[in-house]
C-alpha cells in the first residue's frame, strides 16, 4: 500500500520495535561537561520511561552546527563506528534534528534516527488517557510529521529504486498526503476546540465561586501528585515516572477555621519541551495562570535543581504568570543530609523544605499558603443601599462574606475580594 502514513506510523512506533538504543548528546561550545552529561542522563531517563534498553551513549563536542548532518563529517564517521560496536537499531539525539538532517544521518548510518522531540511526543502519546490529552498529543504529532513528509517520500522512493519515470506519481501522492495531514490537523483542532469549550464552561463556573485556587507546577517527576495527596488528603495516582500526569486534577481542601481552596495538579515541564506540545497543552497549562497562588514544586534531591527551577520559571513567564504569587517548595527533603539541607536553605532562602512522603513541612506550607491566599483576596468593607440587595446576593455567591451589619441606610458587609472583584464594586467600597 503506497501510503505515506505507513511510513509516518512506522516512525511513531519505532521506539517500541527496537532492541537497543544509542544515545547521542551534544555539548555545545561553552557548555560544561557536567551540564552536557546531565542532559544526556535525562535523555536516558526519557528513553527508559518507554521501557527501551540503552546500548550506550556518546557525548559529542561541537564548535559549530553543520547544516547537512548537524555533526561534522569526521564526527559522523566516529559515531557510525560507535553505533556498529553497540549493535544499536535506533539512534536518539538529545538535540533537535531537521527533517533533512534526520534523513541524511539515517542514510549514512543505515539505522533509524530520531530526536528528543520525537521521544517526548512518544511519551505523551503513551501517557494520554482523557479525550483532551489524546487530541492534544495527536495534534502535536501531526504538526511534527508535516515537514517530514517530503523526506519520508524520498526514503520510500529510494527503497523502490526511484526511477525518474515515477517522479510525477510521487509528487502527486505527496501533495495528496500533505492535504490529508493538513485536513487531520484541522479536524484535531476543531475537536479540541469543542472539548476546551466544555472545560472552559466548567472552569468559569469554578471561578464564579468564592473559593480561591492554587496550582501545582514544576519540572516533571518533582512529586507534584504526591504533594497534592499530602495537602488534600486525596488519593491521586502517584507514579515514579516522567510525565505521569497530563490532565489537570483538582481537589477541594478545607482547613480548620473555615478556609477552603481548590488545588490543581498540572502537567510537568521539561527542558526543550517541544513548542508543538506547549501550544497543544496551552489550555491545560493556563490553569496555572488563572490560579490565585502558584506552588512551584522542585525535587530537592536533584543535582539539576537550579536548572529545573529556571526551566519552570521560563515556561511560567511565557504563559503570562510571571507576576503571580508563588511559593517554592523543595520536595523530597527526606533524602537530604544535614549539610545538603543547610546548603539548600542558603541558596534558596525562600524555599520550603517539604517531604510529601513523610509529611515533613506540610503544615508550614499550609500556613504560608493560607497567608498568601488571604493576601490575594484582602478584606474589604462595602456599603449597599436598600435598592441594591442584588449585589448582596451576588457577593454571597461569588465572594467570601465575613460579616453583615444592617442600619437605617442599608447594609454594611465585610468580605474578601480579589483586586478584580473590588474594581467591579468600587462604588460601594468604604474606605477605612
Protein backbone atom coordinates (compact mmCIF):
# COMPACT_ATOMS: atom_id res chain seq x y z
CA UNK A 1 0.00 0.00 0.00
CA UNK A 2 1.71 3.18 -1.24
CA UNK A 3 0.57 5.48 1.51
CA UNK A 4 2.93 7.82 3.32
CA UNK A 5 1.01 7.29 6.57
CA UNK A 6 2.51 3.80 6.78
CA UNK A 7 5.94 5.41 6.94
CA UNK A 8 4.81 8.03 9.46
CA UNK A 9 3.10 5.42 11.62
CA UNK A 10 6.23 3.29 11.47
CA UNK A 11 8.26 6.23 12.78
CA UNK A 12 5.76 6.72 15.62
CA UNK A 13 6.25 3.15 16.87
CA UNK A 14 9.97 2.82 16.18
CA UNK A 15 10.74 3.16 19.85
CA UNK A 16 8.56 0.14 20.60
CA UNK A 17 10.12 -2.07 17.93
CA UNK A 18 13.81 -1.58 18.69
CA UNK A 19 16.00 -3.74 20.91
CA UNK A 20 18.96 -1.42 21.55
CA UNK A 21 19.25 2.35 21.51
CA UNK A 22 22.35 4.51 21.17
CA UNK A 23 22.10 7.95 22.75
CA UNK A 24 23.93 10.95 21.28
CA UNK A 25 24.44 14.02 23.43
CA UNK A 26 25.63 17.33 22.01
CA UNK A 27 27.97 19.51 24.03
CA UNK A 28 27.76 22.97 22.50
CA UNK A 29 30.59 25.49 22.58
CA UNK A 30 30.96 26.99 26.05
CA UNK A 31 28.84 24.35 27.78
CA UNK A 32 30.40 22.46 30.70
CA UNK A 33 30.88 18.70 30.52
CA UNK A 34 28.84 18.30 33.71
CA UNK A 35 25.83 20.08 32.18
CA UNK A 36 26.07 18.13 28.92
CA UNK A 37 26.33 14.83 30.80
CA UNK A 38 23.33 15.74 32.95
CA UNK A 39 21.30 16.43 29.81
CA UNK A 40 22.38 13.08 28.37
CA UNK A 41 21.36 11.34 31.61
CA UNK A 42 17.94 13.00 31.34
CA UNK A 43 17.59 11.72 27.77
CA UNK A 44 18.38 8.21 29.02
CA UNK A 45 15.63 8.62 31.61
CA UNK A 46 13.17 9.64 28.89
CA UNK A 47 14.06 6.62 26.75
CA UNK A 48 13.95 4.22 29.70
CA UNK A 49 10.50 5.52 30.67
CA UNK A 50 9.28 3.92 27.43
CA UNK A 51 10.76 0.60 28.53
CA UNK A 52 13.59 0.65 25.97
CA UNK A 53 17.09 -0.60 26.94
CA UNK A 54 20.05 1.58 26.00
CA UNK A 55 23.12 0.09 24.35
CA UNK A 56 25.34 3.03 25.21
CA UNK A 57 25.79 6.77 24.88
CA UNK A 58 28.23 9.16 23.27
CA UNK A 59 28.85 12.82 24.06
CA UNK A 60 29.91 14.84 21.01
CA UNK A 61 31.51 18.27 21.37
CA UNK A 62 30.62 20.70 18.58
CA UNK A 63 32.26 24.03 17.84
CA UNK A 64 29.66 24.77 15.17
CA UNK A 65 26.46 23.25 13.78
CA UNK A 66 26.70 21.58 10.37
CA UNK A 67 23.62 22.03 8.20
CA UNK A 68 23.70 18.63 6.49
CA UNK A 69 24.22 16.26 9.43
CA UNK A 70 24.32 18.54 12.49
CA UNK A 71 27.70 16.88 13.15
CA UNK A 72 30.86 17.35 11.12
CA UNK A 73 31.84 14.62 8.65
CA UNK A 74 34.54 13.25 10.95
CA UNK A 75 32.10 13.03 13.87
CA UNK A 76 29.54 11.30 11.64
CA UNK A 77 32.08 8.56 10.89
CA UNK A 78 33.11 8.34 14.55
CA UNK A 79 29.50 7.91 15.69
CA UNK A 80 28.88 5.36 12.91
CA UNK A 81 31.61 3.16 14.37
CA UNK A 82 30.18 3.52 17.90
CA UNK A 83 26.72 2.53 16.65
CA UNK A 84 28.17 -0.52 14.93
CA UNK A 85 30.09 -1.52 18.08
CA UNK A 86 26.93 -1.18 20.19
CA UNK A 87 24.83 -3.08 17.61
CA UNK A 88 22.10 -0.45 18.02
CA UNK A 89 18.99 -0.39 15.84
CA UNK A 90 17.88 3.11 16.87
CA UNK A 91 19.84 6.33 17.49
CA UNK A 92 18.34 9.08 19.65
CA UNK A 93 19.76 12.63 19.61
CA UNK A 94 19.38 14.92 22.59
CA UNK A 95 19.23 17.88 20.18
CA UNK A 96 16.52 18.74 17.67
CA UNK A 97 17.12 17.48 14.14
CA UNK A 98 15.73 18.99 10.97
CA UNK A 99 13.93 16.58 8.61
CA UNK A 100 16.91 16.78 6.23
CA UNK A 101 19.47 16.04 8.97
CA UNK A 102 17.37 13.14 10.21
CA UNK A 103 17.15 11.55 6.77
CA UNK A 104 20.83 12.19 5.90
CA UNK A 105 22.00 10.52 9.10
CA UNK A 106 19.72 7.52 8.54
CA UNK A 107 21.11 7.07 5.03
CA UNK A 108 24.69 7.34 6.26
CA UNK A 109 24.33 5.04 9.27
CA UNK A 110 21.67 2.67 7.83
CA UNK A 111 19.91 2.99 11.18
CA UNK A 112 16.71 4.70 12.31
CA UNK A 113 17.37 8.14 13.84
CA UNK A 114 15.01 10.23 15.97
CA UNK A 115 15.46 13.29 18.16
CA UNK A 116 14.48 14.31 21.67
CA UNK A 117 11.21 15.86 20.49
CA UNK A 118 10.04 12.57 19.00
CA UNK A 119 10.82 10.72 22.24
CA UNK A 120 8.81 13.24 24.29
CA UNK A 121 5.92 13.05 21.82
CA UNK A 122 6.01 9.25 22.16
CA UNK A 123 5.92 9.51 25.96
CA UNK A 124 2.99 11.93 25.88
CA UNK A 125 1.13 9.61 23.49
CA UNK A 126 1.77 6.71 25.89
CA UNK A 127 0.52 8.68 28.92
CA UNK A 128 -2.54 10.39 27.38
CA UNK A 129 -5.78 8.99 28.78
CA UNK A 130 -8.55 11.60 28.51
CA UNK A 131 -10.03 12.73 25.20
CA UNK A 132 -8.49 16.19 25.55
CA UNK A 133 -4.99 14.84 26.20
CA UNK A 134 -5.25 12.35 23.32
CA UNK A 135 -6.32 15.12 20.93
CA UNK A 136 -3.59 17.45 22.17
CA UNK A 137 -0.88 14.85 21.59
CA UNK A 138 -2.30 13.80 18.21
CA UNK A 139 -2.28 17.43 17.07
CA UNK A 140 1.32 17.92 18.19
CA UNK A 141 2.45 14.72 16.44
CA UNK A 142 0.77 15.69 13.17
CA UNK A 143 2.44 19.11 13.24
CA UNK A 144 5.77 17.40 13.86
CA UNK A 145 5.18 14.96 10.98
CA UNK A 146 4.09 17.51 8.37
CA UNK A 147 7.56 18.87 7.43
CA UNK A 148 8.87 15.29 7.32
CA UNK A 149 6.53 14.15 4.54
CA UNK A 150 8.95 15.03 1.73
CA UNK A 151 11.82 13.19 3.43
CA UNK A 152 9.66 10.14 4.08
CA UNK A 153 8.58 10.03 0.44
CA UNK A 154 12.21 10.34 -0.71
CA UNK A 155 13.06 7.42 1.58
CA UNK A 156 10.28 5.25 0.13
CA UNK A 157 11.21 6.22 -3.42
CA UNK A 158 14.82 5.13 -2.89
CA UNK A 159 13.66 1.85 -1.37
CA UNK A 160 11.79 1.13 -4.62
CA UNK A 161 14.59 2.15 -6.96
CA UNK A 162 13.49 5.73 -7.56
CA UNK A 163 13.22 5.74 -11.35
CA UNK A 164 12.73 9.16 -12.94
CA UNK A 165 9.53 7.97 -14.56
CA UNK A 166 7.92 7.54 -11.13
CA UNK A 167 8.64 11.07 -10.00
CA UNK A 168 5.35 12.61 -11.12
CA UNK A 169 3.33 9.97 -9.32
CA UNK A 170 5.34 10.50 -6.14
CA UNK A 171 4.86 14.26 -6.24
CA UNK A 172 1.13 13.82 -6.82
CA UNK A 173 0.90 11.42 -3.87
CA UNK A 174 2.97 13.80 -1.73
CA UNK A 175 0.54 16.62 -2.45
CA UNK A 176 -2.36 14.31 -1.59
CA UNK A 177 -0.72 13.26 1.67
CA UNK A 178 0.03 16.87 2.61
CA UNK A 179 -3.64 17.70 2.16
CA UNK A 180 -4.60 14.67 4.25
CA UNK A 181 -2.26 15.69 7.08
CA UNK A 182 -3.49 19.29 6.96
CA UNK A 183 -7.06 18.01 6.99
CA UNK A 184 -6.30 15.83 10.04
CA UNK A 185 -4.71 18.83 11.79
CA UNK A 186 -7.82 20.92 11.08
CA UNK A 187 -10.07 18.12 12.39
CA UNK A 188 -7.99 17.73 15.57
CA UNK A 189 -8.13 21.50 16.16
CA UNK A 190 -11.90 21.52 15.69
CA UNK A 191 -12.46 18.55 18.02
CA UNK A 192 -10.08 20.04 20.57
CA UNK A 193 -11.90 23.38 20.47
CA UNK A 194 -15.16 21.59 21.38
CA UNK A 195 -13.54 19.78 24.31
CA UNK A 196 -11.95 23.02 25.52
CA UNK A 197 -15.29 24.84 25.34
CA UNK A 198 -16.73 22.26 27.71
CA UNK A 199 -13.80 22.60 30.10
CA UNK A 200 -13.92 26.39 29.90
CA UNK A 201 -17.56 26.27 30.99
CA UNK A 202 -16.60 24.14 34.00
CA UNK A 203 -13.66 26.45 34.72
CA UNK A 204 -15.88 29.56 34.52
CA UNK A 205 -18.36 28.06 36.98
CA UNK A 206 -15.49 27.24 39.30
CA UNK A 207 -14.11 30.78 39.11
CA UNK A 208 -17.54 32.26 39.88
CA UNK A 209 -17.49 30.55 43.27
CA UNK A 210 -15.84 32.28 46.24
CA UNK A 211 -13.25 29.53 46.63
CA UNK A 212 -9.66 30.65 45.80
CA UNK A 213 -7.49 28.42 43.62
CA UNK A 214 -3.96 27.05 43.82
CA UNK A 215 -1.91 25.39 41.06
CA UNK A 216 0.96 22.93 41.45
CA UNK A 217 3.61 23.40 38.77
CA UNK A 218 7.16 22.16 38.35
CA UNK A 219 9.62 20.00 36.47
CA UNK A 220 8.39 16.55 35.59
CA UNK A 221 8.72 13.92 38.35
CA UNK A 222 9.25 16.56 41.05
CA UNK A 223 6.49 14.98 43.15
CA UNK A 224 3.52 17.26 42.39
CA UNK A 225 0.93 14.47 42.56
CA UNK A 226 2.38 13.24 45.85
CA UNK A 227 2.20 16.78 47.23
CA UNK A 228 -1.41 17.09 46.03
CA UNK A 229 -2.24 13.97 48.04
CA UNK A 230 -0.35 15.23 51.10
CA UNK A 231 -2.09 18.62 51.06
CA UNK A 232 -5.60 17.48 50.14
CA UNK A 233 -5.69 14.03 51.74
CA UNK A 234 -6.86 12.58 48.42
CA UNK A 235 -5.53 9.50 46.65
CA UNK A 236 -4.42 10.68 43.22
CA UNK A 237 -2.37 8.04 41.36
CA UNK A 238 1.33 8.59 42.04
CA UNK A 239 3.92 7.01 39.74
CA UNK A 240 7.70 7.40 39.72
CA UNK A 241 7.96 8.14 36.02
CA UNK A 242 8.25 11.14 33.72
CA UNK A 243 5.00 12.85 32.68
CA UNK A 244 2.77 10.59 34.77
CA UNK A 245 0.27 13.49 34.87
CA UNK A 246 -1.00 15.04 31.61
CA UNK A 247 -4.51 16.05 32.66
CA UNK A 248 -5.26 18.61 35.39
CA UNK A 249 -6.55 17.07 38.61
CA UNK A 250 -8.40 19.40 41.01
CA UNK A 251 -9.20 18.74 44.67
CA UNK A 252 -11.00 20.83 47.30
CA UNK A 253 -9.15 21.42 50.58
CA UNK A 254 -10.99 22.50 53.74
CA UNK A 255 -8.85 23.75 56.62
CA UNK A 256 -9.69 24.32 60.26
CA UNK A 257 -11.01 27.83 60.73
CA UNK A 258 -13.25 27.70 57.68
CA UNK A 259 -10.70 28.45 54.97
CA UNK A 260 -11.02 26.36 51.82
CA UNK A 261 -9.37 26.37 48.42
CA UNK A 262 -9.11 24.37 45.20
CA UNK A 263 -5.72 22.87 44.33
CA UNK A 264 -4.84 21.63 40.83
CA UNK A 265 -2.02 19.35 39.70
CA UNK A 266 -0.79 20.25 36.19
CA UNK A 267 1.43 18.65 33.52
CA UNK A 268 5.14 18.71 34.33
CA UNK A 269 7.68 20.84 32.47
CA UNK A 270 10.96 19.69 30.97
CA UNK A 271 13.97 21.17 29.21
CA UNK A 272 13.39 21.65 25.47
CA UNK A 273 9.69 20.84 25.71
CA UNK A 274 8.56 20.80 22.05
CA UNK A 275 6.78 24.01 21.02
CA UNK A 276 4.03 21.95 19.38
CA UNK A 277 3.30 20.36 22.76
CA UNK A 278 3.39 23.71 24.57
CA UNK A 279 0.89 25.09 22.05
CA UNK A 280 -1.28 21.97 22.18
CA UNK A 281 -1.32 21.90 26.00
CA UNK A 282 -1.59 25.70 26.41
CA UNK A 283 -5.21 25.46 27.52
CA UNK A 284 -4.21 22.91 30.18
CA UNK A 285 -1.18 24.89 31.30
CA UNK A 286 -3.29 28.04 31.63
CA UNK A 287 -4.69 26.55 34.83
CA UNK A 288 -1.54 27.96 36.42
CA UNK A 289 -2.18 31.45 35.02
CA UNK A 290 -5.70 31.56 36.47
CA UNK A 291 -4.74 30.43 39.97
CA UNK A 292 -4.58 32.87 42.89
CA UNK A 293 -1.35 31.25 44.10
CA UNK A 294 1.18 29.01 42.34
CA UNK A 295 3.11 26.34 44.25
CA UNK A 296 6.35 25.70 42.35
CA UNK A 297 7.44 22.16 43.25
CA UNK A 298 11.09 21.19 42.74
CA UNK A 299 12.99 17.99 43.50
CA UNK A 300 15.35 18.99 46.31
CA UNK A 301 17.42 15.85 45.79
CA UNK A 302 18.12 16.51 42.10
CA UNK A 303 21.61 17.68 41.11
CA UNK A 304 19.89 19.72 38.37
CA UNK A 305 17.64 21.57 40.82
CA UNK A 306 18.70 25.08 39.74
CA UNK A 307 18.19 24.37 36.03
CA UNK A 308 14.83 22.72 36.70
CA UNK A 309 13.71 25.82 38.60
CA UNK A 310 14.87 28.08 35.73
CA UNK A 311 13.06 25.97 33.11
CA UNK A 312 9.81 26.10 35.09
CA UNK A 313 10.06 29.85 35.68
CA UNK A 314 10.72 30.40 31.97
CA UNK A 315 7.58 28.48 30.95
CA UNK A 316 5.51 30.35 33.55
CA UNK A 317 6.68 33.69 32.12
CA UNK A 318 5.80 32.52 28.60
CA UNK A 319 2.31 31.64 29.84
CA UNK A 320 1.89 35.11 31.32
CA UNK A 321 2.01 34.17 35.01
CA UNK A 322 5.39 35.68 35.85
CA UNK A 323 3.87 38.12 38.37
CA UNK A 324 1.66 35.59 40.16
CA UNK A 325 2.18 34.99 43.87
CA UNK A 326 4.06 31.72 44.29
CA UNK A 327 5.73 29.52 46.84
CA UNK A 328 8.85 27.48 46.06
CA UNK A 329 8.56 24.01 47.60
CA UNK A 330 11.73 21.90 47.74
CA UNK A 331 10.17 18.45 47.84
CA UNK A 332 11.79 15.11 48.78
CA UNK A 333 13.83 16.75 51.55
CA UNK A 334 13.74 13.45 53.47
CA UNK A 335 16.51 12.27 51.09
CA UNK A 336 18.87 15.10 52.08
CA UNK A 337 21.71 15.12 54.58
CA UNK A 338 22.01 17.87 57.18
CA UNK A 339 24.71 19.63 55.14
CA UNK A 340 22.59 19.44 51.97
CA UNK A 341 19.64 20.96 53.82
CA UNK A 342 21.77 23.84 55.06
CA UNK A 343 23.18 24.45 51.57
CA UNK A 344 19.70 24.50 50.02
CA UNK A 345 18.39 26.87 52.67
CA UNK A 346 21.29 29.22 51.88
CA UNK A 347 20.85 29.03 48.08
CA UNK A 348 17.03 29.21 48.20
CA UNK A 349 16.15 31.16 51.36
CA UNK A 350 12.50 31.50 50.25
CA UNK A 351 12.18 27.78 49.54
CA UNK A 352 10.25 25.49 51.88
CA UNK A 353 11.82 22.13 52.67
CA UNK A 354 8.99 19.62 52.37
CA UNK A 355 8.56 15.87 52.10
CA UNK A 356 5.27 14.72 50.61
CA UNK A 357 6.37 11.19 51.56
CA UNK A 358 6.89 11.74 55.31
CA UNK A 359 4.69 14.81 55.79
CA UNK A 360 7.59 16.99 56.94
CA UNK A 361 6.94 20.68 56.29
CA UNK A 362 3.35 20.20 55.08
CA UNK A 363 1.83 22.15 57.97
CA UNK A 364 4.26 25.04 57.42
CA UNK A 365 3.38 25.01 53.72
CA UNK A 366 -0.35 25.17 54.51
CA UNK A 367 0.19 28.10 56.88
CA UNK A 368 2.20 30.07 54.32
CA UNK A 369 -0.29 29.17 51.61
CA UNK A 370 -3.14 30.44 53.77
CA UNK A 371 -1.34 33.76 54.27
CA UNK A 372 -0.80 34.07 50.50
CA UNK A 373 -4.45 33.30 49.77
CA UNK A 374 -5.60 35.89 52.31
CA UNK A 375 -3.27 38.46 50.74
CA UNK A 376 -4.62 37.67 47.26
CA UNK A 377 -8.16 38.38 48.50
CA UNK A 378 -7.86 41.11 51.14
CA UNK A 379 -10.71 42.12 53.46
CA UNK A 380 -12.87 44.93 52.06
CA UNK A 381 -15.79 46.82 53.63
CA UNK A 382 -18.77 47.54 51.37
CA UNK A 383 -21.95 49.53 51.99
CA UNK A 384 -25.05 48.73 49.94
CA UNK A 385 -28.15 50.96 49.75
CA UNK A 386 -31.55 49.23 50.18
CA UNK A 387 -32.18 49.16 46.43
CA UNK A 388 -29.01 47.12 45.72
CA UNK A 389 -29.78 43.88 47.51
CA UNK A 390 -28.94 42.18 44.19
CA UNK A 391 -25.26 42.90 44.92
CA UNK A 392 -25.61 41.18 48.29
CA UNK A 393 -26.95 38.05 46.59
CA UNK A 394 -24.06 38.10 44.12
CA UNK A 395 -21.50 38.54 46.90
CA UNK A 396 -22.81 35.50 48.75
CA UNK A 397 -22.46 33.55 45.53
CA UNK A 398 -19.12 34.85 44.23
CA UNK A 399 -17.18 36.14 47.27
CA UNK A 400 -16.44 35.25 50.88
CA UNK A 401 -18.76 37.22 53.19
CA UNK A 402 -17.29 37.52 56.69
CA UNK A 403 -19.84 39.82 58.36
CA UNK A 404 -23.09 41.76 57.70
CA UNK A 405 -24.47 44.74 59.65
CA UNK A 406 -27.85 46.34 58.83
CA UNK A 407 -28.59 50.01 59.56
CA UNK A 408 -31.11 52.67 58.53
CA UNK A 409 -29.16 53.49 55.36
CA UNK A 410 -28.66 49.97 54.09
CA UNK A 411 -26.22 47.12 54.67
CA UNK A 412 -22.51 47.09 55.54
CA UNK A 413 -20.63 43.93 54.56
CA UNK A 414 -17.13 42.73 55.37
CA UNK A 415 -15.92 40.49 52.54
CA UNK A 416 -12.81 39.01 50.97
CA UNK A 417 -12.39 40.18 47.38
CA UNK A 418 -9.79 39.83 44.67
CA UNK A 419 -8.47 43.03 43.08
CA UNK A 420 -10.64 42.35 40.02
CA UNK A 421 -13.80 41.87 42.10
CA UNK A 422 -13.04 45.01 44.15
CA UNK A 423 -12.69 47.03 40.95
CA UNK A 424 -16.17 45.99 39.80
CA UNK A 425 -17.69 47.05 43.14
CA UNK A 426 -15.67 50.24 43.63
CA UNK A 427 -18.78 52.44 44.05
CA UNK A 428 -19.73 50.50 47.20
CA UNK A 429 -16.27 50.36 48.81
CA UNK A 430 -15.98 52.08 52.19
CA UNK A 431 -12.52 53.48 52.83
CA UNK A 432 -11.47 52.52 56.35
